[in-house]
């Protein structure tokens, strides 16, 4: 007998509600409920613009207004008109508000570490959390340009290289590959895009500029975020960036050991072509004329 999937989801929801203290009147013992604590966190992490804060929290305007007024009454937040646009409001943390955010961060970190310490397989627990978080936030993933030499880009690329090493029969050594120069993936030659969910990277793709054509390089999506349409979104964003740069012809290479990548290109308007480089790893080649 298989257990009812709806019952399993509801059990999960109840467990998360209890673990996070969503129903507590004093979240983490700081004297206010989770909603007010999350509002403080959003002001600290997403900036002062009230509209941006509301979008980050996905809150009704009236609910956010009540939260901000409650925090203002505590002396944790100051509300004011935006100096550049009086129609927009800003919420600024006071020194007391900054101290309260620091206290919440420390307590939340301790709570998270305790959860990891008591589980016999913390890596498996984190992987499961990543999978759930990706499913719940797929509509709130931002694709933004980043320096291909930055920390987030290096994380994505190291995960990408490690996966190729696992999946290729001959392994993968990036020093033997035609690894694109970082400058070729920065404006005005190209770009490097990262998919971010609440600040954490879920995927990447590079657009490497060239003379006769540009190349799509290093398309990668984290295992927890696969089959959610993120690869296509990254490719669409790379193509849009190419059009903005006046690029009309794109090429890419891949390996038949990555059938999901081959299938993506075959179903999104790419044409299979003959080999166009001497990279030892790819064995499948595509190009696309941009309109």
C-alpha atoms as a PDB file:
ATOM      1  CA  UNK A   1       0.000   0.000   0.000  1.00  0.00           C
ATOM      2  CA  UNK A   2       1.348   3.449  -0.920  1.00  0.00           C
ATOM      3  CA  UNK A   3       0.726   6.332   1.437  1.00  0.00           C
ATOM      4  CA  UNK A   4      -1.620   9.113   0.359  1.00  0.00           C
ATOM      5  CA  UNK A   5       0.535  11.843  -1.289  1.00  0.00           C
ATOM      6  CA  UNK A   6      -1.764  14.600  -0.015  1.00  0.00           C
ATOM      7  CA  UNK A   7      -1.409  13.339   3.552  1.00  0.00           C
ATOM      8  CA  UNK A   8       2.375  13.293   3.127  1.00  0.00           C
ATOM      9  CA  UNK A   9       2.403  16.898   1.907  1.00  0.00           C
ATOM     10  CA  UNK A  10       0.219  18.025   4.784  1.00  0.00           C
ATOM     11  CA  UNK A  11       2.484  16.244   7.270  1.00  0.00           C
ATOM     12  CA  UNK A  12       5.423  18.066   5.721  1.00  0.00           C
ATOM     13  CA  UNK A  13       3.584  21.408   5.984  1.00  0.00           C
ATOM     14  CA  UNK A  14       2.814  20.825   9.658  1.00  0.00           C
ATOM     15  CA  UNK A  15       6.425  19.839  10.357  1.00  0.00           C
ATOM     16  CA  UNK A  16       7.776  22.990   8.687  1.00  0.00           C
ATOM     17  CA  UNK A  17       5.239  25.177  10.467  1.00  0.00           C
ATOM     18  CA  UNK A  18       6.305  23.761  13.820  1.00  0.00           C
ATOM     19  CA  UNK A  19      10.041  23.874  13.051  1.00  0.00           C
ATOM     20  CA  UNK A  20       9.991  27.465  11.831  1.00  0.00           C
ATOM     21  CA  UNK A  21       7.750  28.723  14.631  1.00  0.00           C
ATOM     22  CA  UNK A  22       5.264  30.141  12.150  1.00  0.00           C
ATOM     23  CA  UNK A  23       2.470  30.109  14.752  1.00  0.00           C
ATOM     24  CA  UNK A  24       4.549  31.381  17.667  1.00  0.00           C
ATOM     25  CA  UNK A  25       3.615  34.762  19.109  1.00  0.00           C
ATOM     26  CA  UNK A  26       7.285  35.240  19.991  1.00  0.00           C
ATOM     27  CA  UNK A  27       9.387  33.967  17.085  1.00  0.00           C
ATOM     28  CA  UNK A  28      12.771  32.783  18.383  1.00  0.00           C
ATOM     29  CA  UNK A  29      11.903  34.331  21.730  1.00  0.00           C
ATOM     30  CA  UNK A  30      12.249  37.932  20.496  1.00  0.00           C
ATOM     31  CA  UNK A  31       8.743  39.053  21.426  1.00  0.00           C
ATOM     32  CA  UNK A  32       7.085  39.339  18.008  1.00  0.00           C
ATOM     33  CA  UNK A  33       5.563  36.874  15.497  1.00  0.00           C
ATOM     34  CA  UNK A  34       7.306  35.488  12.420  1.00  0.00           C
ATOM     35  CA  UNK A  35       5.613  37.955  10.055  1.00  0.00           C
ATOM     36  CA  UNK A  36       7.231  40.962  11.736  1.00  0.00           C
ATOM     37  CA  UNK A  37      10.590  39.209  11.919  1.00  0.00           C
ATOM     38  CA  UNK A  38      10.431  38.395   8.190  1.00  0.00           C
ATOM     39  CA  UNK A  39       9.607  42.027   7.434  1.00  0.00           C
ATOM     40  CA  UNK A  40      12.701  43.161   9.339  1.00  0.00           C
ATOM     41  CA  UNK A  41      14.790  40.636   7.414  1.00  0.00           C
ATOM     42  CA  UNK A  42      13.388  41.837   4.083  1.00  0.00           C
ATOM     43  CA  UNK A  43      14.249  45.465   4.828  1.00  0.00           C
ATOM     44  CA  UNK A  44      17.780  44.399   5.729  1.00  0.00           C
ATOM     45  CA  UNK A  45      18.320  42.166   2.694  1.00  0.00           C
ATOM     46  CA  UNK A  46      16.246  43.690  -0.121  1.00  0.00           C
ATOM     47  CA  UNK A  47      16.706  47.427   0.425  1.00  0.00           C
ATOM     48  CA  UNK A  48      14.542  50.258   1.657  1.00  0.00           C
ATOM     49  CA  UNK A  49      11.977  50.553  -1.143  1.00  0.00           C
ATOM     50  CA  UNK A  50       8.606  49.431   0.223  1.00  0.00           C
ATOM     51  CA  UNK A  51       7.368  48.127  -3.140  1.00  0.00           C
ATOM     52  CA  UNK A  52      10.481  45.954  -3.462  1.00  0.00           C
ATOM     53  CA  UNK A  53      10.020  44.667   0.082  1.00  0.00           C
ATOM     54  CA  UNK A  54       6.377  43.798  -0.614  1.00  0.00           C
ATOM     55  CA  UNK A  55       7.350  41.908  -3.779  1.00  0.00           C
ATOM     56  CA  UNK A  56      10.087  39.990  -1.941  1.00  0.00           C
ATOM     57  CA  UNK A  57       7.663  38.945   0.789  1.00  0.00           C
ATOM     58  CA  UNK A  58       4.728  38.452  -1.614  1.00  0.00           C
ATOM     59  CA  UNK A  59       2.506  40.281   0.872  1.00  0.00           C
ATOM     60  CA  UNK A  60      -0.738  42.170   0.488  1.00  0.00           C
ATOM     61  CA  UNK A  61      -0.146  45.924   0.679  1.00  0.00           C
ATOM     62  CA  UNK A  62      -2.381  46.302   3.744  1.00  0.00           C
ATOM     63  CA  UNK A  63      -0.618  43.495   5.615  1.00  0.00           C
ATOM     64  CA  UNK A  64       2.812  44.978   4.931  1.00  0.00           C
ATOM     65  CA  UNK A  65       1.564  48.400   5.984  1.00  0.00           C
ATOM     66  CA  UNK A  66       0.423  46.985   9.346  1.00  0.00           C
ATOM     67  CA  UNK A  67       3.756  45.217   9.828  1.00  0.00           C
ATOM     68  CA  UNK A  68       5.736  48.364   9.076  1.00  0.00           C
ATOM     69  CA  UNK A  69       3.629  50.481  11.434  1.00  0.00           C
ATOM     70  CA  UNK A  70       4.081  47.909  14.214  1.00  0.00           C
ATOM     71  CA  UNK A  71       7.847  47.930  13.710  1.00  0.00           C
ATOM     72  CA  UNK A  72       7.833  51.723  13.580  1.00  0.00           C
ATOM     73  CA  UNK A  73       5.992  51.815  16.907  1.00  0.00           C
ATOM     74  CA  UNK A  74       8.769  49.657  18.392  1.00  0.00           C
ATOM     75  CA  UNK A  75      11.391  52.100  17.179  1.00  0.00           C
ATOM     76  CA  UNK A  76      12.906  49.540  14.797  1.00  0.00           C
ATOM     77  CA  UNK A  77      11.907  51.166  11.490  1.00  0.00           C
ATOM     78  CA  UNK A  78      11.603  54.690  10.141  1.00  0.00           C
ATOM     79  CA  UNK A  79       9.166  55.376   7.285  1.00  0.00           C
ATOM     80  CA  UNK A  80       9.718  58.211   4.812  1.00  0.00           C
ATOM     81  CA  UNK A  81       9.085  59.277   1.229  1.00  0.00           C
ATOM     82  CA  UNK A  82      11.748  58.390  -1.321  1.00  0.00           C
ATOM     83  CA  UNK A  83      13.822  61.577  -1.881  1.00  0.00           C
ATOM     84  CA  UNK A  84      13.992  60.785  -5.611  1.00  0.00           C
ATOM     85  CA  UNK A  85      10.277  60.025  -5.992  1.00  0.00           C
ATOM     86  CA  UNK A  86       7.810  61.204  -3.364  1.00  0.00           C
ATOM     87  CA  UNK A  87       5.223  58.699  -4.643  1.00  0.00           C
ATOM     88  CA  UNK A  88       7.359  55.837  -3.355  1.00  0.00           C
ATOM     89  CA  UNK A  89       7.915  54.995   0.307  1.00  0.00           C
ATOM     90  CA  UNK A  90      11.043  53.834   2.061  1.00  0.00           C
ATOM     91  CA  UNK A  91      11.479  51.807   5.236  1.00  0.00           C
ATOM     92  CA  UNK A  92      14.823  52.271   6.978  1.00  0.00           C
ATOM     93  CA  UNK A  93      16.135  50.240   9.881  1.00  0.00           C
ATOM     94  CA  UNK A  94      17.082  52.245  12.959  1.00  0.00           C
ATOM     95  CA  UNK A  95      20.148  51.258  15.006  1.00  0.00           C
ATOM     96  CA  UNK A  96      17.784  49.253  17.211  1.00  0.00           C
ATOM     97  CA  UNK A  97      16.337  47.611  14.103  1.00  0.00           C
ATOM     98  CA  UNK A  98      19.794  46.669  12.840  1.00  0.00           C
ATOM     99  CA  UNK A  99      20.601  45.123  16.226  1.00  0.00           C
ATOM    100  CA  UNK A 100      17.355  43.151  16.151  1.00  0.00           C
ATOM    101  CA  UNK A 101      18.107  41.787  12.668  1.00  0.00           C
ATOM    102  CA  UNK A 102      21.557  40.690  13.889  1.00  0.00           C
ATOM    103  CA  UNK A 103      19.966  38.929  16.858  1.00  0.00           C
ATOM    104  CA  UNK A 104      17.481  37.118  14.612  1.00  0.00           C
ATOM    105  CA  UNK A 105      20.246  36.089  12.202  1.00  0.00           C
ATOM    106  CA  UNK A 106      22.338  34.606  15.011  1.00  0.00           C
ATOM    107  CA  UNK A 107      19.392  32.690  16.469  1.00  0.00           C
ATOM    108  CA  UNK A 108      18.288  31.436  13.046  1.00  0.00           C
ATOM    109  CA  UNK A 109      21.825  30.273  12.257  1.00  0.00           C
ATOM    110  CA  UNK A 110      21.988  28.382  15.551  1.00  0.00           C
ATOM    111  CA  UNK A 111      18.596  26.771  14.890  1.00  0.00           C
ATOM    112  CA  UNK A 112      19.692  25.666  11.420  1.00  0.00           C
ATOM    113  CA  UNK A 113      22.986  24.261  12.698  1.00  0.00           C
ATOM    114  CA  UNK A 114      21.169  22.314  15.423  1.00  0.00           C
ATOM    115  CA  UNK A 115      18.895  20.745  12.801  1.00  0.00           C
ATOM    116  CA  UNK A 116      21.896  19.699  10.712  1.00  0.00           C
ATOM    117  CA  UNK A 117      23.801  18.371  13.721  1.00  0.00           C
ATOM    118  CA  UNK A 118      21.009  16.051  14.813  1.00  0.00           C
ATOM    119  CA  UNK A 119      20.471  14.497  11.370  1.00  0.00           C
ATOM    120  CA  UNK A 120      22.621  11.460  10.466  1.00  0.00           C
ATOM    121  CA  UNK A 121      22.822  12.540   6.795  1.00  0.00           C
ATOM    122  CA  UNK A 122      23.039  16.350   6.700  1.00  0.00           C
ATOM    123  CA  UNK A 123      23.990  16.422   3.002  1.00  0.00           C
ATOM    124  CA  UNK A 124      20.887  14.405   2.103  1.00  0.00           C
ATOM    125  CA  UNK A 125      18.772  16.688   4.279  1.00  0.00           C
ATOM    126  CA  UNK A 126      20.128  19.783   2.519  1.00  0.00           C
ATOM    127  CA  UNK A 127      19.559  18.199  -0.901  1.00  0.00           C
ATOM    128  CA  UNK A 128      15.939  17.492   0.023  1.00  0.00           C
ATOM    129  CA  UNK A 129      15.490  21.066   1.252  1.00  0.00           C
ATOM    130  CA  UNK A 130      16.995  22.412  -1.979  1.00  0.00           C
ATOM    131  CA  UNK A 131      14.565  20.291  -3.988  1.00  0.00           C
ATOM    132  CA  UNK A 132      11.539  21.557  -2.058  1.00  0.00           C
ATOM    133  CA  UNK A 133      12.690  25.177  -2.056  1.00  0.00           C
ATOM    134  CA  UNK A 134      13.267  25.079  -5.819  1.00  0.00           C
ATOM    135  CA  UNK A 135       9.780  23.687  -6.404  1.00  0.00           C
ATOM    136  CA  UNK A 136       8.176  26.328  -4.185  1.00  0.00           C
ATOM    137  CA  UNK A 137      10.077  29.316  -5.584  1.00  0.00           C
ATOM    138  CA  UNK A 138      10.392  28.458  -9.284  1.00  0.00           C
ATOM    139  CA  UNK A 139       8.305  31.512 -10.223  1.00  0.00           C
ATOM    140  CA  UNK A 140      10.553  33.810  -8.193  1.00  0.00           C
ATOM    141  CA  UNK A 141      13.927  32.950  -9.728  1.00  0.00           C
ATOM    142  CA  UNK A 142      15.800  35.966 -11.102  1.00  0.00           C
ATOM    143  CA  UNK A 143      18.238  35.700 -14.006  1.00  0.00           C
ATOM    144  CA  UNK A 144      20.882  38.391 -13.731  1.00  0.00           C
ATOM    145  CA  UNK A 145      24.262  39.202 -15.274  1.00  0.00           C
ATOM    146  CA  UNK A 146      27.294  38.504 -13.087  1.00  0.00           C
ATOM    147  CA  UNK A 147      31.046  38.705 -13.376  1.00  0.00           C
ATOM    148  CA  UNK A 148      32.174  35.269 -14.636  1.00  0.00           C
ATOM    149  CA  UNK A 149      35.167  35.598 -12.297  1.00  0.00           C
ATOM    150  CA  UNK A 150      33.013  36.216  -9.196  1.00  0.00           C
ATOM    151  CA  UNK A 151      32.275  33.814  -6.361  1.00  0.00           C
ATOM    152  CA  UNK A 152      28.782  32.874  -7.557  1.00  0.00           C
ATOM    153  CA  UNK A 153      30.025  32.175 -11.076  1.00  0.00           C
ATOM    154  CA  UNK A 154      32.930  30.108  -9.777  1.00  0.00           C
ATOM    155  CA  UNK A 155      30.516  28.042  -7.684  1.00  0.00           C
ATOM    156  CA  UNK A 156      28.297  27.329 -10.691  1.00  0.00           C
ATOM    157  CA  UNK A 157      31.242  26.492 -12.933  1.00  0.00           C
ATOM    158  CA  UNK A 158      32.878  24.197 -10.388  1.00  0.00           C
ATOM    159  CA  UNK A 159      29.589  22.278 -10.044  1.00  0.00           C
ATOM    160  CA  UNK A 160      29.303  22.137 -13.836  1.00  0.00           C
ATOM    161  CA  UNK A 161      32.846  20.797 -14.273  1.00  0.00           C
ATOM    162  CA  UNK A 162      32.335  18.236 -11.504  1.00  0.00           C
ATOM    163  CA  UNK A 163      29.184  16.948 -13.190  1.00  0.00           C
ATOM    164  CA  UNK A 164      30.930  16.600 -16.543  1.00  0.00           C
ATOM    165  CA  UNK A 165      33.708  14.648 -14.826  1.00  0.00           C
ATOM    166  CA  UNK A 166      31.110  12.245 -13.433  1.00  0.00           C
ATOM    167  CA  UNK A 167      29.138  11.817 -16.635  1.00  0.00           C
ATOM    168  CA  UNK A 168      31.840  11.630 -19.300  1.00  0.00           C
ATOM    169  CA  UNK A 169      33.453   8.211 -19.735  1.00  0.00           C
ATOM    170  CA  UNK A 170      36.852   9.868 -20.086  1.00  0.00           C
ATOM    171  CA  UNK A 171      36.234  12.303 -17.223  1.00  0.00           C
ATOM    172  CA  UNK A 172      36.664  16.053 -17.668  1.00  0.00           C
ATOM    173  CA  UNK A 173      39.706  18.270 -17.282  1.00  0.00           C
ATOM    174  CA  UNK A 174      38.914  21.921 -17.859  1.00  0.00           C
ATOM    175  CA  UNK A 175      42.529  22.643 -18.800  1.00  0.00           C
ATOM    176  CA  UNK A 176      42.084  20.433 -21.885  1.00  0.00           C
ATOM    177  CA  UNK A 177      38.824  22.115 -22.889  1.00  0.00           C
ATOM    178  CA  UNK A 178      38.513  25.298 -24.916  1.00  0.00           C
ATOM    179  CA  UNK A 179      37.548  27.172 -21.770  1.00  0.00           C
ATOM    180  CA  UNK A 180      36.262  30.634 -22.745  1.00  0.00           C
ATOM    181  CA  UNK A 181      38.173  33.669 -21.573  1.00  0.00           C
ATOM    182  CA  UNK A 182      36.196  35.547 -18.943  1.00  0.00           C
ATOM    183  CA  UNK A 183      36.557  38.840 -20.827  1.00  0.00           C
ATOM    184  CA  UNK A 184      34.672  37.333 -23.778  1.00  0.00           C
ATOM    185  CA  UNK A 185      31.690  36.768 -21.468  1.00  0.00           C
ATOM    186  CA  UNK A 186      31.449  40.341 -20.219  1.00  0.00           C
ATOM    187  CA  UNK A 187      29.885  43.445 -21.750  1.00  0.00           C
ATOM    188  CA  UNK A 188      30.217  44.560 -24.516  1.00  0.00           C
ATOM    189  CA  UNK A 189      31.442  41.236 -25.933  1.00  0.00           C
ATOM    190  CA  UNK A 190      29.042  38.860 -24.174  1.00  0.00           C
ATOM    191  CA  UNK A 191      27.559  38.135 -20.770  1.00  0.00           C
ATOM    192  CA  UNK A 192      27.428  35.577 -17.979  1.00  0.00           C
ATOM    193  CA  UNK A 193      23.991  34.937 -16.500  1.00  0.00           C
ATOM    194  CA  UNK A 194      23.167  33.328 -13.158  1.00  0.00           C
ATOM    195  CA  UNK A 195      19.745  32.130 -11.973  1.00  0.00           C
ATOM    196  CA  UNK A 196      19.278  33.250  -8.379  1.00  0.00           C
ATOM    197  CA  UNK A 197      16.696  32.101  -5.844  1.00  0.00           C
ATOM    198  CA  UNK A 198      16.770  34.223  -2.679  1.00  0.00           C
ATOM    199  CA  UNK A 199      20.408  34.993  -3.387  1.00  0.00           C
ATOM    200  CA  UNK A 200      21.493  31.381  -3.968  1.00  0.00           C
ATOM    201  CA  UNK A 201      22.629  30.234  -7.449  1.00  0.00           C
ATOM    202  CA  UNK A 202      20.536  27.594  -9.202  1.00  0.00           C
ATOM    203  CA  UNK A 203      22.071  27.739 -12.674  1.00  0.00           C
ATOM    204  CA  UNK A 204      24.185  29.642 -15.162  1.00  0.00           C
ATOM    205  CA  UNK A 205      24.924  30.178 -18.836  1.00  0.00           C
ATOM    206  CA  UNK A 206      27.587  32.135 -20.675  1.00  0.00           C
ATOM    207  CA  UNK A 207      27.428  34.099 -23.915  1.00  0.00           C
ATOM    208  CA  UNK A 208      30.912  34.279 -25.414  1.00  0.00           C
ATOM    209  CA  UNK A 209      31.379  37.000 -28.014  1.00  0.00           C
ATOM    210  CA  UNK A 210      33.241  36.346 -31.244  1.00  0.00           C
ATOM    211  CA  UNK A 211      34.000  37.778 -34.679  1.00  0.00           C
ATOM    212  CA  UNK A 212      31.719  35.792 -36.997  1.00  0.00           C
ATOM    213  CA  UNK A 213      29.473  34.256 -34.353  1.00  0.00           C
ATOM    214  CA  UNK A 214      28.972  34.088 -30.596  1.00  0.00           C
ATOM    215  CA  UNK A 215      28.824  30.905 -28.523  1.00  0.00           C
ATOM    216  CA  UNK A 216      26.586  29.652 -25.733  1.00  0.00           C
ATOM    217  CA  UNK A 217      28.834  28.152 -23.070  1.00  0.00           C
ATOM    218  CA  UNK A 218      28.536  26.466 -19.679  1.00  0.00           C
ATOM    219  CA  UNK A 219      24.774  25.941 -19.429  1.00  0.00           C
ATOM    220  CA  UNK A 220      24.197  24.335 -16.028  1.00  0.00           C
ATOM    221  CA  UNK A 221      21.235  23.909 -13.672  1.00  0.00           C
ATOM    222  CA  UNK A 222      21.470  22.556 -10.125  1.00  0.00           C
ATOM    223  CA  UNK A 223      20.007  19.053  -9.756  1.00  0.00           C
ATOM    224  CA  UNK A 224      17.351  20.328  -7.333  1.00  0.00           C
ATOM    225  CA  UNK A 225      16.017  22.782  -9.934  1.00  0.00           C
ATOM    226  CA  UNK A 226      15.893  20.547 -13.004  1.00  0.00           C
ATOM    227  CA  UNK A 227      12.772  19.853 -15.077  1.00  0.00           C
ATOM    228  CA  UNK A 228      11.276  23.147 -13.892  1.00  0.00           C
ATOM    229  CA  UNK A 229      11.953  25.056 -17.122  1.00  0.00           C
ATOM    230  CA  UNK A 230      15.050  26.862 -15.849  1.00  0.00           C
ATOM    231  CA  UNK A 231      17.362  25.684 -18.649  1.00  0.00           C
ATOM    232  CA  UNK A 232      15.014  27.132 -21.246  1.00  0.00           C
ATOM    233  CA  UNK A 233      14.730  30.381 -19.307  1.00  0.00           C
ATOM    234  CA  UNK A 234      18.513  30.688 -19.165  1.00  0.00           C
ATOM    235  CA  UNK A 235      18.805  29.995 -22.889  1.00  0.00           C
ATOM    236  CA  UNK A 236      16.076  32.528 -23.680  1.00  0.00           C
ATOM    237  CA  UNK A 237      17.864  35.118 -21.554  1.00  0.00           C
ATOM    238  CA  UNK A 238      21.178  34.420 -23.300  1.00  0.00           C
ATOM    239  CA  UNK A 239      19.555  34.782 -26.713  1.00  0.00           C
ATOM    240  CA  UNK A 240      17.901  38.041 -25.632  1.00  0.00           C
ATOM    241  CA  UNK A 241      21.282  39.340 -24.462  1.00  0.00           C
ATOM    242  CA  UNK A 242      22.814  38.374 -27.818  1.00  0.00           C
ATOM    243  CA  UNK A 243      20.152  40.323 -29.695  1.00  0.00           C
ATOM    244  CA  UNK A 244      20.795  43.352 -27.489  1.00  0.00           C
ATOM    245  CA  UNK A 245      24.490  43.140 -28.415  1.00  0.00           C
ATOM    246  CA  UNK A 246      23.661  42.920 -32.118  1.00  0.00           C
ATOM    247  CA  UNK A 247      24.700  39.277 -32.423  1.00  0.00           C
ATOM    248  CA  UNK A 248      22.899  37.423 -35.217  1.00  0.00           C
ATOM    249  CA  UNK A 249      24.493  33.958 -35.219  1.00  0.00           C
ATOM    250  CA  UNK A 250      24.978  31.657 -32.239  1.00  0.00           C
ATOM    251  CA  UNK A 251      26.761  28.336 -31.978  1.00  0.00           C
ATOM    252  CA  UNK A 252      27.235  25.790 -29.214  1.00  0.00           C
ATOM    253  CA  UNK A 253      28.742  22.390 -28.622  1.00  0.00           C
ATOM    254  CA  UNK A 254      27.746  19.593 -26.276  1.00  0.00           C
ATOM    255  CA  UNK A 255      28.294  15.904 -25.687  1.00  0.00           C
ATOM    256  CA  UNK A 256      25.950  13.007 -26.425  1.00  0.00           C
ATOM    257  CA  UNK A 257      26.447  11.914 -22.807  1.00  0.00           C
ATOM    258  CA  UNK A 258      24.162  14.867 -21.974  1.00  0.00           C
ATOM    259  CA  UNK A 259      20.963  13.803 -23.791  1.00  0.00           C
ATOM    260  CA  UNK A 260      18.801  16.312 -21.947  1.00  0.00           C
ATOM    261  CA  UNK A 261      20.943  19.147 -23.324  1.00  0.00           C
ATOM    262  CA  UNK A 262      20.774  17.750 -26.859  1.00  0.00           C
ATOM    263  CA  UNK A 263      16.981  17.442 -26.559  1.00  0.00           C
ATOM    264  CA  UNK A 264      16.682  21.036 -25.326  1.00  0.00           C
ATOM    265  CA  UNK A 265      18.556  22.423 -28.316  1.00  0.00           C
ATOM    266  CA  UNK A 266      16.679  20.235 -30.800  1.00  0.00           C
ATOM    267  CA  UNK A 267      13.318  21.508 -29.522  1.00  0.00           C
ATOM    268  CA  UNK A 268      14.188  25.215 -29.294  1.00  0.00           C
ATOM    269  CA  UNK A 269      15.111  26.080 -32.863  1.00  0.00           C
ATOM    270  CA  UNK A 270      18.767  25.040 -33.017  1.00  0.00           C
ATOM    271  CA  UNK A 271      20.132  23.340 -36.148  1.00  0.00           C
ATOM    272  CA  UNK A 272      22.664  20.545 -35.929  1.00  0.00           C
ATOM    273  CA  UNK A 273      25.895  21.316 -37.819  1.00  0.00           C
ATOM    274  CA  UNK A 274      29.333  19.831 -38.422  1.00  0.00           C
ATOM    275  CA  UNK A 275      32.128  20.191 -35.902  1.00  0.00           C
ATOM    276  CA  UNK A 276      33.431  23.766 -35.827  1.00  0.00           C
ATOM    277  CA  UNK A 277      36.184  23.558 -33.177  1.00  0.00           C
ATOM    278  CA  UNK A 278      38.941  21.259 -31.926  1.00  0.00           C
ATOM    279  CA  UNK A 279      37.706  20.897 -28.336  1.00  0.00           C
ATOM    280  CA  UNK A 280      38.261  17.215 -27.366  1.00  0.00           C
ATOM    281  CA  UNK A 281      35.056  16.850 -25.345  1.00  0.00           C
ATOM    282  CA  UNK A 282      32.035  17.799 -27.500  1.00  0.00           C
ATOM    283  CA  UNK A 283      30.686  15.514 -30.218  1.00  0.00           C
ATOM    284  CA  UNK A 284      27.433  17.336 -31.058  1.00  0.00           C
ATOM    285  CA  UNK A 285      27.319  20.841 -32.559  1.00  0.00           C
ATOM    286  CA  UNK A 286      24.502  23.326 -33.159  1.00  0.00           C
ATOM    287  CA  UNK A 287      23.890  26.829 -34.466  1.00  0.00           C
ATOM    288  CA  UNK A 288      20.972  29.245 -34.433  1.00  0.00           C
ATOM    289  CA  UNK A 289      20.266  32.294 -36.576  1.00  0.00           C
ATOM    290  CA  UNK A 290      18.697  35.017 -34.481  1.00  0.00           C
ATOM    291  CA  UNK A 291      15.835  37.002 -35.982  1.00  0.00           C
END
